[in-house]
Amino acid sequence: MYRRVALAVLAAVVAFAGWWAFSAERVPDRTVGLFTSLPIVWSEADDLKGMVDAPSTQHWARPVLEKRGKLLPLDTLLDLSRVAELVVAQPRPLAPEENVALDAWVRQGGRLLMFADPMLTQESVFALGDRRRPQDVALVSPILARWGLELRFDEDQPGGLRESAGDALPINLAGAFRPIPGGHEARCLVTSNGLIARCHIGKGRATLIADAALLEAEADGNVRADRLAALIEEAMAP
């Protein structure tokens, strides 16, 4: 009898261990930082209550990020010690000390996915010049220069949503990265159309996208979720 009980207990332990491993695989034990001016976590609203209340319709990109790990919205980049991975999407202008902190975090082994759009096309409920409006032009030249890159914009390009050649990403008035001299211990490979730059920086890596149309809230989330998930998987790979 005691032998049967012992075997039953052992089977339960094995089953629990398998369940725990499966659950751990589905929900990774990591924290993903999100630094953005886009309404991915917070709502666009005229009052504070409306901004902090849960949106009536969840942005499709949020569950993609949460599937990766615990999502931590950030309002500054000065302290990234709690973050294992970082997504920066159309950020506000960075303070000099934030540029230093971000650069140091990546060099120490951080994994970064950044969307830097020189001409954001996503619609907003706020008028131009309103500080609550998503950042219309990504002003990230200092950190890009540190990594040996420049973000350019062709004013003569046609407008309208289209798919980028070779990258299969939706773009609209996209920018283009160009390597420049002066990068500090950074090696960046830029796609032929300039849309994506993949950089090895110290012990870490940064994947940079010169457009943010992929993240438009009103877009077909089912299609774009797969593309965003693939970008995150590539950017955060060991």
Protein backbone atom coordinates (compact mmCIF):
# COMPACT_ATOMS: atom_id res chain seq x y z
CA MET A 1 0.00 0.00 0.00
CA TYR A 2 2.76 2.40 0.97
CA ARG A 3 4.43 1.67 -2.35
CA ARG A 4 1.23 2.60 -4.24
CA VAL A 5 0.93 5.85 -2.25
CA ALA A 6 4.56 6.72 -2.95
CA LEU A 7 4.09 6.08 -6.66
CA ALA A 8 0.94 8.22 -6.69
CA VAL A 9 2.76 11.07 -4.94
CA LEU A 10 5.67 10.76 -7.38
CA ALA A 11 3.30 10.86 -10.35
CA ALA A 12 1.63 13.98 -8.96
CA VAL A 13 5.00 15.67 -8.48
CA VAL A 14 6.05 14.83 -12.05
CA ALA A 15 2.72 16.06 -13.42
CA PHE A 16 3.01 19.32 -11.46
CA ALA A 17 6.60 19.81 -12.64
CA GLY A 18 5.51 19.34 -16.24
CA TRP A 19 2.61 21.75 -15.81
CA TRP A 20 4.91 24.32 -14.15
CA ALA A 21 7.49 24.05 -16.94
CA PHE A 22 4.77 24.42 -19.57
CA SER A 23 3.32 27.45 -17.77
CA ALA A 24 6.77 29.00 -17.36
CA GLU A 25 7.39 28.55 -21.06
CA ARG A 26 4.10 30.23 -21.94
CA VAL A 27 4.63 33.15 -19.54
CA PRO A 28 8.37 33.97 -19.49
CA ASP A 29 9.79 35.30 -16.24
CA ARG A 30 10.99 38.59 -17.69
CA THR A 31 10.07 42.27 -17.60
CA VAL A 32 9.59 44.13 -20.86
CA GLY A 33 9.90 47.89 -20.64
CA LEU A 34 7.75 50.08 -22.92
CA PHE A 35 8.67 53.72 -23.50
CA THR A 36 6.34 55.40 -25.97
CA SER A 37 4.21 58.43 -26.79
CA LEU A 38 1.74 56.22 -28.66
CA PRO A 39 -1.58 55.23 -27.00
CA ILE A 40 -0.65 51.58 -26.54
CA VAL A 41 -1.23 51.45 -22.78
CA TRP A 42 -2.99 54.73 -22.00
CA SER A 43 -6.02 56.20 -23.73
CA GLU A 44 -6.09 59.45 -25.65
CA ALA A 45 -8.51 61.57 -23.61
CA ASP A 46 -9.08 65.20 -22.68
CA ASP A 47 -8.98 64.62 -18.92
CA LEU A 48 -6.74 62.72 -16.53
CA LYS A 49 -9.42 60.18 -15.61
CA GLY A 50 -9.97 59.30 -19.24
CA MET A 51 -6.24 58.88 -19.78
CA VAL A 52 -5.68 56.48 -16.87
CA ASP A 53 -8.91 54.51 -17.27
CA ALA A 54 -8.67 51.29 -19.25
CA PRO A 55 -9.50 52.02 -22.91
CA SER A 56 -12.81 50.72 -24.20
CA THR A 57 -10.91 48.96 -26.97
CA GLN A 58 -7.50 47.56 -26.09
CA HIS A 59 -4.68 48.41 -28.47
CA TRP A 60 -3.85 45.25 -30.39
CA ALA A 61 -0.10 45.59 -29.68
CA ARG A 62 -0.48 45.39 -25.90
CA PRO A 63 -1.25 41.64 -25.65
CA VAL A 64 1.64 40.97 -28.04
CA LEU A 65 3.99 42.73 -25.63
CA GLU A 66 2.42 41.10 -22.57
CA LYS A 67 2.84 37.66 -24.07
CA ARG A 68 6.55 38.34 -24.09
CA GLY A 69 6.60 39.02 -20.34
CA LYS A 70 5.49 41.43 -17.65
CA LEU A 71 4.87 44.79 -19.31
CA LEU A 72 6.33 47.80 -17.50
CA PRO A 73 5.32 51.21 -18.94
CA LEU A 74 8.13 53.73 -18.44
CA ASP A 75 8.01 57.52 -18.30
CA THR A 76 11.79 57.87 -18.15
CA LEU A 77 14.85 55.91 -19.29
CA LEU A 78 17.02 56.96 -16.37
CA ASP A 79 16.60 53.66 -14.50
CA LEU A 80 16.44 50.52 -16.63
CA SER A 81 17.65 48.16 -13.92
CA ARG A 82 14.25 46.43 -13.69
CA VAL A 83 14.04 45.83 -17.43
CA ALA A 84 15.29 42.73 -19.22
CA GLU A 85 14.10 43.89 -22.66
CA LEU A 86 13.02 47.29 -23.94
CA VAL A 87 10.66 48.51 -26.66
CA VAL A 88 10.85 52.21 -27.51
CA ALA A 89 8.14 53.42 -29.89
CA GLN A 90 8.04 57.00 -31.17
CA PRO A 91 9.53 58.40 -27.96
CA ARG A 92 9.43 62.00 -26.79
CA PRO A 93 12.82 63.78 -27.10
CA LEU A 94 15.31 62.18 -24.73
CA ALA A 95 17.14 64.22 -22.13
CA PRO A 96 20.97 64.01 -22.35
CA GLU A 97 21.11 61.82 -19.25
CA GLU A 98 18.49 59.47 -20.76
CA ASN A 99 20.65 59.06 -23.86
CA VAL A 100 23.58 58.15 -21.62
CA ALA A 101 21.50 55.69 -19.59
CA LEU A 102 20.03 53.99 -22.67
CA ASP A 103 23.43 53.67 -24.32
CA ALA A 104 24.96 52.21 -21.16
CA TRP A 105 22.08 49.74 -20.70
CA VAL A 106 22.42 48.40 -24.25
CA ARG A 107 26.21 48.15 -23.97
CA GLN A 108 25.88 46.09 -20.82
CA GLY A 109 23.84 43.47 -22.68
CA GLY A 110 20.39 44.99 -23.15
CA ARG A 111 18.11 44.15 -26.07
CA LEU A 112 16.29 47.08 -27.67
CA LEU A 113 13.58 47.36 -30.32
CA MET A 114 13.03 50.99 -31.34
CA PHE A 115 10.50 52.52 -33.72
CA ALA A 116 11.67 56.00 -34.77
CA ASP A 117 9.32 57.61 -37.30
CA PRO A 118 10.40 60.91 -38.91
CA MET A 119 6.82 61.64 -40.03
CA LEU A 120 4.19 59.89 -37.92
CA THR A 121 0.97 59.27 -39.87
CA GLN A 122 -1.18 57.87 -37.05
CA GLU A 123 -4.23 60.04 -36.37
CA SER A 124 -4.73 61.64 -32.96
CA VAL A 125 -7.62 63.28 -31.13
CA PHE A 126 -5.24 66.08 -30.15
CA ALA A 127 -4.27 68.97 -32.41
CA LEU A 128 -0.75 69.69 -33.61
CA GLY A 129 1.27 71.27 -30.85
CA ASP A 130 -0.70 69.63 -28.04
CA ARG A 131 1.75 67.97 -25.63
CA ARG A 132 -0.64 65.05 -25.16
CA ARG A 133 -0.37 64.20 -28.85
CA PRO A 134 1.95 61.34 -29.89
CA GLN A 135 5.36 62.54 -30.98
CA ASP A 136 4.98 63.54 -34.64
CA VAL A 137 8.72 63.53 -35.41
CA ALA A 138 11.13 61.19 -33.63
CA LEU A 139 14.00 63.35 -32.33
CA VAL A 140 16.61 60.71 -31.52
CA SER A 141 19.64 62.03 -33.39
CA PRO A 142 22.05 62.02 -30.40
CA ILE A 143 21.64 58.33 -29.57
CA LEU A 144 21.67 57.37 -33.26
CA ALA A 145 24.88 59.32 -33.83
CA ARG A 146 26.41 57.55 -30.84
CA TRP A 147 25.71 54.30 -32.65
CA GLY A 148 26.94 55.57 -36.04
CA LEU A 149 23.57 56.19 -37.66
CA GLU A 150 21.55 59.03 -39.13
CA LEU A 151 17.79 59.07 -39.74
CA ARG A 152 16.81 60.69 -43.03
CA PHE A 153 13.46 61.54 -44.58
CA ASP A 154 12.65 61.83 -48.30
CA GLU A 155 10.03 64.57 -48.64
CA ASP A 156 9.34 63.58 -52.26
CA GLN A 157 8.23 60.03 -51.48
CA PRO A 158 4.56 59.20 -52.14
CA GLY A 159 2.24 59.05 -49.14
CA GLY A 160 -0.13 56.22 -48.34
CA LEU A 161 0.14 52.89 -46.60
CA ARG A 162 2.17 50.29 -48.46
CA GLU A 163 4.33 47.26 -47.75
CA SER A 164 8.08 47.74 -47.71
CA ALA A 165 10.02 45.79 -50.29
CA GLY A 166 11.94 42.91 -48.73
CA ASP A 167 10.85 43.56 -45.14
CA ALA A 168 7.08 42.92 -45.49
CA LEU A 169 6.32 45.69 -43.01
CA PRO A 170 3.53 48.26 -43.47
CA ILE A 171 5.03 51.73 -43.90
CA ASN A 172 3.72 55.22 -44.57
CA LEU A 173 6.10 58.15 -45.15
CA ALA A 174 8.96 56.11 -43.74
CA GLY A 175 12.44 57.29 -42.95
CA ALA A 176 15.74 55.67 -43.82
CA PHE A 177 18.81 54.99 -41.73
CA ARG A 178 22.25 55.78 -43.08
CA PRO A 179 25.60 54.84 -41.54
CA ILE A 180 27.74 57.82 -40.56
CA PRO A 181 31.27 58.12 -39.14
CA GLY A 182 31.79 58.50 -35.43
CA GLY A 183 29.87 55.54 -34.04
CA HIS A 184 31.36 54.40 -30.73
CA GLU A 185 32.04 50.66 -30.62
CA ALA A 186 28.86 49.92 -32.57
CA ARG A 187 28.46 47.80 -35.68
CA CYS A 188 25.23 48.41 -37.61
CA LEU A 189 23.91 46.63 -40.66
CA VAL A 190 21.29 48.63 -42.56
CA THR A 191 18.85 47.09 -45.03
CA SER A 192 19.09 48.23 -48.64
CA ASN A 193 16.02 50.47 -48.30
CA GLY A 194 17.27 51.92 -45.01
CA LEU A 195 14.15 50.88 -43.10
CA ILE A 196 15.82 48.60 -40.54
CA ALA A 197 19.17 48.90 -38.78
CA ARG A 198 20.48 45.99 -36.75
CA CYS A 199 23.28 47.03 -34.42
CA HIS A 200 25.69 45.21 -32.13
CA ILE A 201 26.61 47.70 -29.40
CA GLY A 202 29.02 46.50 -26.75
CA LYS A 203 27.47 43.35 -25.27
CA GLY A 204 23.95 44.26 -26.39
CA ARG A 205 21.91 44.76 -29.52
CA ALA A 206 19.49 47.31 -30.93
CA THR A 207 17.02 46.75 -33.75
CA LEU A 208 15.80 50.06 -35.16
CA ILE A 209 12.80 50.64 -37.45
CA ALA A 210 12.54 53.97 -39.33
CA ASP A 211 8.73 54.01 -39.29
CA ALA A 212 5.90 53.37 -36.83
CA ALA A 213 2.97 52.65 -39.16
CA LEU A 214 3.06 49.02 -37.99
CA LEU A 215 1.80 50.18 -34.59
CA GLU A 216 -1.24 52.16 -35.74
CA ALA A 217 -4.11 51.48 -33.36
CA GLU A 218 -6.81 51.27 -36.02
CA ALA A 219 -4.84 48.79 -38.10
CA ASP A 220 -5.64 45.13 -38.73
CA GLY A 221 -4.24 43.85 -35.47
CA ASN A 222 -4.52 40.17 -36.32
CA VAL A 223 -2.16 40.55 -39.27
CA ARG A 224 0.22 43.01 -37.65
CA ALA A 225 0.42 41.15 -34.35
CA ASP A 226 2.34 38.35 -36.06
CA ARG A 227 4.73 40.81 -37.65
CA LEU A 228 5.33 42.65 -34.39
CA ALA A 229 5.83 39.38 -32.51
CA ALA A 230 8.40 38.30 -35.10
CA LEU A 231 10.26 41.61 -34.80
CA ILE A 232 10.32 41.32 -31.00
CA GLU A 233 11.50 37.71 -31.15
CA GLU A 234 14.35 38.66 -33.48
CA ALA A 235 15.36 41.78 -31.54
CA MET A 236 15.37 40.05 -28.15
CA ALA A 237 17.04 36.80 -29.17
CA PRO A 238 20.08 35.83 -27.04
